[in-house]
C-alpha cells in the first residue's frame, strides 16, 4: 500500500510566511510568522533568484502533520533512544574531563 493512502486529509496545504534568521553554508533557519516556531532546512531547498540574507521574507506551502498509525515505529524508537544514550554518555565524559582538569 502506498503510504499516502494512509492520510485522511491529503490536500490541506496553506501558505505560511517566515523570516530568514540564520543562513549557513548548508542550511537556513526560518522563523515562521505567527509564533509557529522555526524550520531548519537544507539550503538547497530554498528557491531564490537572490543571494540569501538574514531578514529576507519567505513564503511556502505546508500542510499539518498527520499521525499515520497509532503504534510507534520500533526502529525509530530504538534509534532515538540510542542517540539520546550516546549524547548523555558524551556529556558525562565532558563533565568528567572538565572536573579532572580543574
N, C-alpha and C. Protein backbone atom coordinates (compact mmCIF):
# COMPACT_ATOMS: atom_id res chain seq x y z
N UNK A 1 0.84 -1.18 0.00
CA UNK A 1 0.00 0.00 0.00
C UNK A 1 0.89 1.24 0.00
N UNK A 2 0.54 2.21 -0.81
CA UNK A 2 1.26 3.47 -0.87
C UNK A 2 1.02 4.23 0.44
N UNK A 3 2.05 4.81 1.03
CA UNK A 3 1.91 5.49 2.33
C UNK A 3 0.97 6.68 2.25
N UNK A 4 0.85 7.31 1.11
CA UNK A 4 -0.04 8.46 1.00
C UNK A 4 -1.50 8.07 1.22
N UNK A 5 -1.81 6.82 0.99
CA UNK A 5 -3.18 6.34 1.20
C UNK A 5 -3.56 6.31 2.68
N UNK A 6 -2.57 6.37 3.56
CA UNK A 6 -2.85 6.38 5.00
C UNK A 6 -3.35 7.75 5.47
N UNK A 7 -3.08 8.80 4.68
CA UNK A 7 -3.52 10.13 5.06
C UNK A 7 -5.03 10.27 4.88
N UNK A 8 -5.67 10.85 5.87
CA UNK A 8 -7.11 11.11 5.78
C UNK A 8 -7.37 12.44 5.09
N UNK A 9 -6.45 13.38 5.26
CA UNK A 9 -6.59 14.72 4.69
C UNK A 9 -5.40 14.99 3.78
N UNK A 10 -5.48 14.56 2.54
CA UNK A 10 -4.34 14.59 1.64
C UNK A 10 -3.95 16.02 1.24
N UNK A 11 -4.91 16.87 0.95
CA UNK A 11 -4.57 18.19 0.42
C UNK A 11 -5.09 19.28 1.35
N UNK A 12 -4.27 19.63 2.35
CA UNK A 12 -4.67 20.67 3.29
C UNK A 12 -3.62 21.77 3.37
N UNK A 13 -2.79 21.91 2.33
CA UNK A 13 -1.71 22.88 2.42
C UNK A 13 -2.22 24.31 2.46
N UNK A 14 -1.47 25.12 3.18
CA UNK A 14 -1.75 26.54 3.33
C UNK A 14 -0.44 27.29 3.11
N UNK A 15 -0.56 28.56 2.75
CA UNK A 15 0.64 29.37 2.62
C UNK A 15 1.05 29.90 4.00
N UNK A 16 2.31 29.72 4.31
CA UNK A 16 2.90 30.25 5.52
C UNK A 16 4.00 31.22 5.11
N UNK A 17 4.30 32.16 5.97
CA UNK A 17 5.39 33.10 5.72
C UNK A 17 6.36 33.05 6.88
N UNK A 18 7.59 33.43 6.58
CA UNK A 18 8.60 33.45 7.62
C UNK A 18 9.73 34.39 7.27
N UNK A 19 10.68 34.47 8.18
CA UNK A 19 11.84 35.33 8.05
C UNK A 19 13.10 34.48 8.16
N UNK A 20 14.06 34.70 7.26
CA UNK A 20 15.34 34.01 7.39
C UNK A 20 16.08 34.61 8.59
N UNK A 21 16.38 33.78 9.58
CA UNK A 21 17.07 34.26 10.78
C UNK A 21 18.49 33.71 10.88
N UNK A 22 18.80 32.70 10.08
CA UNK A 22 20.16 32.17 10.06
C UNK A 22 20.42 31.57 8.68
N UNK A 23 21.55 31.94 8.10
CA UNK A 23 21.95 31.41 6.80
C UNK A 23 23.34 30.82 6.96
N UNK A 24 23.45 29.52 6.78
CA UNK A 24 24.74 28.83 6.90
C UNK A 24 25.13 28.26 5.55
N UNK A 25 26.30 27.62 5.51
CA UNK A 25 26.76 27.03 4.26
C UNK A 25 25.78 25.99 3.71
N UNK A 26 25.23 25.17 4.59
CA UNK A 26 24.40 24.06 4.13
C UNK A 26 22.96 24.12 4.59
N UNK A 27 22.59 25.13 5.41
CA UNK A 27 21.22 25.17 5.91
C UNK A 27 20.75 26.60 6.13
N UNK A 28 19.44 26.74 6.24
CA UNK A 28 18.85 28.02 6.61
C UNK A 28 17.83 27.77 7.71
N UNK A 29 17.65 28.77 8.56
CA UNK A 29 16.64 28.71 9.61
C UNK A 29 15.61 29.78 9.34
N UNK A 30 14.35 29.36 9.36
CA UNK A 30 13.23 30.26 9.10
C UNK A 30 12.39 30.37 10.35
N UNK A 31 12.16 31.60 10.84
CA UNK A 31 11.19 31.83 11.91
C UNK A 31 9.83 31.97 11.22
N UNK A 32 8.91 31.07 11.52
CA UNK A 32 7.60 31.11 10.90
C UNK A 32 6.76 32.17 11.60
N UNK A 33 6.17 33.05 10.81
CA UNK A 33 5.36 34.13 11.36
C UNK A 33 4.17 33.55 12.12
N UNK A 34 3.68 34.29 13.09
CA UNK A 34 2.55 33.84 13.88
C UNK A 34 2.97 32.99 15.06
N UNK A 35 4.24 33.09 15.46
CA UNK A 35 4.78 32.35 16.59
C UNK A 35 4.60 30.84 16.44
N UNK A 36 4.79 30.36 15.22
CA UNK A 36 4.61 28.94 14.95
C UNK A 36 5.90 28.14 15.03
N UNK A 37 6.99 28.79 15.42
CA UNK A 37 8.23 28.06 15.60
C UNK A 37 9.23 28.31 14.50
N UNK A 38 10.21 27.43 14.42
CA UNK A 38 11.28 27.55 13.44
C UNK A 38 11.31 26.32 12.55
N UNK A 39 11.83 26.53 11.36
CA UNK A 39 12.01 25.45 10.40
C UNK A 39 13.45 25.53 9.93
N UNK A 40 14.20 24.45 10.11
CA UNK A 40 15.58 24.39 9.64
C UNK A 40 15.61 23.42 8.48
N UNK A 41 16.04 23.90 7.33
CA UNK A 41 16.04 23.07 6.13
C UNK A 41 17.38 23.20 5.40
N UNK A 42 17.70 22.22 4.55
CA UNK A 42 18.92 22.35 3.74
C UNK A 42 18.82 23.57 2.82
N UNK A 43 19.92 24.25 2.67
CA UNK A 43 19.95 25.46 1.83
C UNK A 43 19.52 25.16 0.40
N UNK A 44 19.82 23.96 -0.07
CA UNK A 44 19.49 23.60 -1.45
C UNK A 44 17.98 23.55 -1.71
N UNK A 45 17.18 23.55 -0.63
CA UNK A 45 15.73 23.51 -0.80
C UNK A 45 15.12 24.90 -1.00
N UNK A 46 15.89 25.95 -0.79
CA UNK A 46 15.39 27.31 -0.95
C UNK A 46 15.41 27.69 -2.43
N UNK A 47 14.29 28.18 -2.92
CA UNK A 47 14.20 28.69 -4.29
C UNK A 47 14.35 30.20 -4.21
N UNK A 48 15.38 30.74 -4.85
CA UNK A 48 15.61 32.18 -4.79
C UNK A 48 16.42 32.65 -5.98
N UNK A 49 16.06 33.81 -6.48
CA UNK A 49 16.83 34.46 -7.54
C UNK A 49 17.89 35.37 -6.94
N UNK A 50 17.92 35.49 -5.60
CA UNK A 50 18.79 36.43 -4.91
C UNK A 50 19.73 35.68 -3.98
N UNK A 51 20.82 36.35 -3.60
CA UNK A 51 21.67 35.82 -2.54
C UNK A 51 20.87 35.85 -1.24
N UNK A 52 20.98 34.80 -0.45
CA UNK A 52 20.22 34.72 0.80
C UNK A 52 20.83 35.62 1.86
N UNK A 53 19.94 36.35 2.57
CA UNK A 53 20.37 37.25 3.64
C UNK A 53 19.43 37.13 4.82
N UNK A 54 19.96 37.31 6.00
CA UNK A 54 19.14 37.35 7.21
C UNK A 54 18.14 38.49 7.06
N UNK A 55 16.89 38.22 7.42
CA UNK A 55 15.85 39.24 7.36
C UNK A 55 14.97 39.14 6.13
N UNK A 56 15.38 38.35 5.13
CA UNK A 56 14.53 38.19 3.95
C UNK A 56 13.28 37.41 4.32
N UNK A 57 12.15 37.78 3.71
CA UNK A 57 10.90 37.07 3.93
C UNK A 57 10.80 35.92 2.93
N UNK A 58 10.21 34.84 3.37
CA UNK A 58 9.98 33.68 2.52
C UNK A 58 8.52 33.26 2.64
N UNK A 59 8.03 32.60 1.63
CA UNK A 59 6.69 32.03 1.65
C UNK A 59 6.77 30.58 1.21
N UNK A 60 5.91 29.75 1.75
CA UNK A 60 5.93 28.33 1.39
C UNK A 60 4.59 27.70 1.72
N UNK A 61 4.31 26.61 1.03
CA UNK A 61 3.10 25.84 1.31
C UNK A 61 3.46 24.72 2.27
N UNK A 62 2.60 24.52 3.24
CA UNK A 62 2.82 23.46 4.21
C UNK A 62 1.48 22.95 4.68
N UNK A 63 1.42 21.68 4.94
CA UNK A 63 0.22 21.07 5.46
C UNK A 63 0.45 20.69 6.92
N UNK A 64 -0.60 20.37 7.62
CA UNK A 64 -0.48 19.94 9.00
C UNK A 64 -0.03 18.49 9.04
N UNK A 65 0.94 18.17 9.89
CA UNK A 65 1.37 16.77 10.01
C UNK A 65 0.23 15.90 10.53
N UNK A 66 0.13 14.73 9.98
CA UNK A 66 -0.91 13.79 10.40
C UNK A 66 -0.25 12.48 10.83
N UNK A 67 -0.59 11.99 12.01
CA UNK A 67 -0.05 10.73 12.51
C UNK A 67 -0.61 9.61 11.65
N UNK A 68 0.28 8.75 11.14
CA UNK A 68 -0.14 7.70 10.21
C UNK A 68 -0.67 6.46 10.90
N UNK A 69 -0.10 6.12 12.06
CA UNK A 69 -0.51 4.90 12.76
C UNK A 69 -0.48 5.15 14.26
N UNK A 70 -1.27 4.39 15.01
CA UNK A 70 -1.29 4.54 16.46
C UNK A 70 0.02 4.07 17.09
N UNK A 71 0.54 2.95 16.59
CA UNK A 71 1.76 2.37 17.17
C UNK A 71 3.00 3.13 16.70
N UNK A 72 3.94 3.29 17.61
CA UNK A 72 5.22 3.90 17.25
C UNK A 72 6.06 2.88 16.48
N UNK A 73 6.88 3.37 15.57
CA UNK A 73 7.76 2.51 14.79
C UNK A 73 8.96 2.16 15.69
N UNK A 74 9.09 0.89 16.04
CA UNK A 74 10.12 0.48 17.00
C UNK A 74 11.53 0.77 16.50
N UNK A 75 11.74 0.71 15.20
CA UNK A 75 13.06 1.02 14.64
C UNK A 75 13.46 2.44 15.02
N UNK A 76 12.55 3.40 14.87
CA UNK A 76 12.85 4.79 15.19
C UNK A 76 12.95 5.00 16.69
N UNK A 77 12.11 4.34 17.47
CA UNK A 77 12.18 4.46 18.93
C UNK A 77 13.55 3.99 19.42
N UNK A 78 14.02 2.87 18.90
CA UNK A 78 15.33 2.35 19.30
C UNK A 78 16.45 3.29 18.88
N UNK A 79 16.36 3.83 17.67
CA UNK A 79 17.40 4.75 17.18
C UNK A 79 17.43 6.03 18.02
N UNK A 80 16.27 6.56 18.36
CA UNK A 80 16.19 7.78 19.16
C UNK A 80 16.73 7.52 20.57
N UNK A 81 16.36 6.39 21.15
CA UNK A 81 16.83 6.02 22.48
C UNK A 81 18.35 5.86 22.50
N UNK A 82 18.89 5.20 21.47
CA UNK A 82 20.34 5.01 21.39
C UNK A 82 21.06 6.34 21.20
N UNK A 83 20.53 7.20 20.38
CA UNK A 83 21.12 8.52 20.16
C UNK A 83 21.16 9.31 21.48
N UNK A 84 20.06 9.29 22.21
CA UNK A 84 19.99 10.00 23.48
C UNK A 84 20.96 9.39 24.51
N UNK A 85 21.07 8.07 24.52
CA UNK A 85 22.00 7.39 25.43
C UNK A 85 23.44 7.82 25.14
N UNK A 86 23.80 7.87 23.84
CA UNK A 86 25.16 8.27 23.46
C UNK A 86 25.40 9.75 23.77
N UNK A 87 24.39 10.58 23.56
CA UNK A 87 24.53 12.01 23.85
C UNK A 87 24.80 12.22 25.34
N UNK A 88 24.04 11.53 26.19
CA UNK A 88 24.23 11.65 27.63
C UNK A 88 25.60 11.12 28.06
N UNK A 89 26.03 10.03 27.45
CA UNK A 89 27.33 9.45 27.77
C UNK A 89 28.45 10.44 27.41
N UNK A 90 28.35 11.05 26.23
CA UNK A 90 29.35 12.03 25.83
C UNK A 90 29.33 13.26 26.73
N UNK A 91 28.15 13.67 27.13
CA UNK A 91 28.01 14.82 28.02
C UNK A 91 28.68 14.51 29.36
N UNK A 92 28.46 13.30 29.88
CA UNK A 92 29.08 12.91 31.14
C UNK A 92 30.60 12.85 31.02
N UNK A 93 31.11 12.39 29.87
CA UNK A 93 32.56 12.36 29.65
C UNK A 93 33.13 13.77 29.68
N UNK A 94 32.45 14.71 29.03
CA UNK A 94 32.93 16.09 29.01
C UNK A 94 32.95 16.68 30.40
N UNK A 95 31.91 16.43 31.18
CA UNK A 95 31.86 16.93 32.57
C UNK A 95 33.01 16.34 33.38
N UNK A 96 33.24 15.03 33.23
CA UNK A 96 34.31 14.35 33.96
C UNK A 96 35.68 14.93 33.57
N UNK A 97 35.88 15.19 32.27
CA UNK A 97 37.16 15.75 31.80
C UNK A 97 37.37 17.15 32.36
N UNK A 98 36.30 17.96 32.41
CA UNK A 98 36.41 19.31 32.98
C UNK A 98 36.79 19.24 34.45
N UNK A 99 36.15 18.32 35.18
CA UNK A 99 36.44 18.18 36.61
C UNK A 99 37.87 17.76 36.84
N UNK A 100 38.39 16.86 35.99
CA UNK A 100 39.75 16.39 36.13
C UNK A 100 40.76 17.49 35.80
N UNK A 101 40.40 18.41 34.91
CA UNK A 101 41.30 19.50 34.51
C UNK A 101 41.28 20.67 35.47
N UNK A 102 40.34 20.69 36.39
CA UNK A 102 40.26 21.81 37.35
C UNK A 102 41.20 21.65 38.49
